[in-house]
Amino acid sequence: MTIEATAGMTAGPKPSVTISPWVNEALPNIQGILCSRDLARLTRRPRWELFGLALIGKFPRKKRYRGRPIGWCRAEVLEWMTRELAVETEARERLNAPRRCAGRHTRQQCLPLECPTPSAPVKVQSRNFNCQSR
């Protein structure tokens, strides 16, 4: 049999070969992965709160390796923590502005330095307890 004779021949159906999507996936940095306990200690927040924040998208999600969740990336968590510390310009202006009394009726009187006008003291009614000694 020659090569030309075999070129026209077709073998039966071609077998389908599938390759796992994780064949060429790189190994994760083991030192940079945090478990839930390490995560709670680093952020000083309970685990259930962090899981809830991740569920609504306000916290980094777990990293996956070969399709399974393995833990959180330390760099992403530290970036999230520093992002929460950033003070916006509006907040700085508000912090430097003079304080005013709240328009609501509160139990605590405003300090004299905070109020533009002095306010009358509020009478506090005390309860009389009848203490009987034996």
Protein backbone atom coordinates (compact mmCIF):
# COMPACT_ATOMS: atom_id res chain seq x y z
CA MET A 1 0.00 0.00 0.00
CA THR A 2 1.32 3.40 -0.93
CA ILE A 3 0.84 6.76 0.72
CA GLU A 4 -1.45 7.93 -2.06
CA ALA A 5 -3.69 4.93 -1.51
CA THR A 6 -4.02 5.54 2.21
CA ALA A 7 -4.76 9.29 1.77
CA GLY A 8 -8.17 8.62 0.29
CA MET A 9 -9.17 6.22 3.03
CA THR A 10 -11.11 7.53 5.95
CA ALA A 11 -11.21 5.87 9.31
CA GLY A 12 -14.47 5.66 11.21
CA PRO A 13 -15.73 8.47 13.44
CA LYS A 14 -13.03 10.58 15.05
CA PRO A 15 -12.83 10.18 18.80
CA SER A 16 -13.57 13.38 20.72
CA VAL A 17 -10.95 14.39 23.21
CA THR A 18 -11.66 16.96 25.91
CA ILE A 19 -9.03 18.64 28.00
CA SER A 20 -9.65 19.96 31.48
CA PRO A 21 -9.79 23.79 31.62
CA TRP A 22 -7.31 23.71 34.50
CA VAL A 23 -4.52 21.89 32.66
CA ASN A 24 -2.31 24.96 32.33
CA GLU A 25 -3.48 26.75 35.47
CA ALA A 26 -0.56 28.10 37.51
CA LEU A 27 -0.10 27.13 41.14
CA PRO A 28 -1.35 29.80 43.58
CA ASN A 29 0.99 31.59 45.97
CA ILE A 30 0.47 29.57 49.15
CA GLN A 31 1.91 32.30 51.41
CA GLY A 32 -0.49 34.83 49.91
CA ILE A 33 -3.66 32.78 50.56
CA LEU A 34 -5.65 33.32 53.78
CA CYS A 35 -8.05 30.85 55.38
CA SER A 36 -11.23 32.15 57.02
CA ARG A 37 -9.66 32.18 60.49
CA ASP A 38 -6.62 34.18 59.33
CA LEU A 39 -8.95 36.50 57.45
CA ALA A 40 -11.06 37.18 60.55
CA ARG A 41 -7.97 37.85 62.65
CA LEU A 42 -6.44 40.18 60.05
CA THR A 43 -9.59 42.24 59.48
CA ARG A 44 -10.81 42.00 63.10
CA ARG A 45 -14.30 41.18 61.90
CA PRO A 46 -16.34 38.02 62.40
CA ARG A 47 -16.33 35.43 59.64
CA TRP A 48 -20.07 35.61 59.04
CA GLU A 49 -19.82 39.36 58.36
CA LEU A 50 -17.02 38.86 55.83
CA PHE A 51 -18.95 36.07 54.09
CA GLY A 52 -21.97 38.37 53.86
CA LEU A 53 -19.89 41.24 52.46
CA ALA A 54 -18.39 38.90 49.87
CA LEU A 55 -21.85 37.67 48.96
CA ILE A 56 -23.10 41.18 48.15
CA GLY A 57 -19.85 42.10 46.38
CA LYS A 58 -18.34 44.52 48.91
CA PHE A 59 -15.46 42.22 49.86
CA PRO A 60 -13.03 40.21 47.70
CA ARG A 61 -14.21 36.72 46.81
CA LYS A 62 -12.31 33.52 47.49
CA LYS A 63 -9.66 32.51 44.98
CA ARG A 64 -10.21 29.25 43.17
CA TYR A 65 -7.76 26.56 42.16
CA ARG A 66 -8.90 23.84 39.78
CA GLY A 67 -12.47 24.97 40.24
CA ARG A 68 -12.50 24.79 44.03
CA PRO A 69 -12.38 27.73 46.46
CA ILE A 70 -9.13 27.72 48.44
CA GLY A 71 -9.00 31.07 50.26
CA TRP A 72 -8.61 34.82 49.99
CA CYS A 73 -5.68 36.64 48.43
CA ARG A 74 -3.83 38.59 51.14
CA ALA A 75 -2.98 41.45 48.76
CA GLU A 76 -6.64 41.95 47.79
CA VAL A 77 -7.76 41.93 51.43
CA LEU A 78 -5.09 44.47 52.42
CA GLU A 79 -6.10 46.67 49.48
CA TRP A 80 -9.76 46.45 50.62
CA MET A 81 -8.75 47.44 54.15
CA THR A 82 -6.80 50.49 52.98
CA ARG A 83 -9.60 51.52 50.63
CA GLU A 84 -11.97 51.64 53.62
CA LEU A 85 -9.55 53.99 55.42
CA ALA A 86 -9.51 56.58 52.64
CA VAL A 87 -11.28 59.82 53.61
CA GLU A 88 -13.17 61.60 50.88
CA THR A 89 -12.79 65.35 50.36
CA GLU A 90 -16.40 65.99 51.37
CA ALA A 91 -15.81 64.20 54.65
CA ARG A 92 -12.70 66.32 55.32
CA GLU A 93 -14.63 69.51 54.72
CA ARG A 94 -17.39 68.29 56.97
CA LEU A 95 -14.88 67.41 59.71
CA ASN A 96 -13.33 70.88 59.57
CA ALA A 97 -16.67 72.72 59.53
CA PRO A 98 -18.04 74.24 62.77
CA ARG A 99 -20.36 71.96 64.69
CA ARG A 100 -24.04 72.63 65.02
CA CYS A 101 -26.73 71.27 67.26
CA ALA A 102 -28.97 68.66 65.78
CA GLY A 103 -32.47 69.82 64.96
CA ARG A 104 -33.88 66.83 66.80
CA HIS A 105 -34.80 66.65 70.44
CA THR A 106 -32.07 64.67 72.09
CA ARG A 107 -31.65 63.55 75.64
CA GLN A 108 -28.22 65.09 75.89
CA GLN A 109 -27.92 68.86 75.74
CA CYS A 110 -25.45 70.38 73.32
CA LEU A 111 -22.25 71.73 74.73
CA PRO A 112 -22.19 75.54 75.06
CA LEU A 113 -19.34 75.83 72.55
CA GLU A 114 -21.33 74.01 69.89
CA CYS A 115 -24.61 75.93 70.14
CA PRO A 116 -25.02 79.41 68.64
CA THR A 117 -27.47 80.34 71.42
CA PRO A 118 -27.51 79.08 74.99
CA SER A 119 -30.28 76.63 75.70
CA ALA A 120 -32.24 76.26 78.89
CA PRO A 121 -31.37 73.30 81.09
CA VAL A 122 -33.74 70.39 80.96
CA LYS A 123 -35.39 69.28 84.19
CA VAL A 124 -34.71 65.68 84.99
CA GLN A 125 -37.35 63.91 86.98
CA SER A 126 -35.91 61.49 89.46
CA ARG A 127 -37.82 58.61 90.87
CA ASN A 128 -38.15 58.30 94.59
CA PHE A 129 -37.45 54.78 95.71
CA ASN A 130 -38.56 53.69 99.11
CA CYS A 131 -35.64 51.85 100.56
CA GLN A 132 -36.38 50.02 103.74
CA SER A 133 -33.53 48.76 105.81
CA ARG A 134 -33.98 45.63 107.84
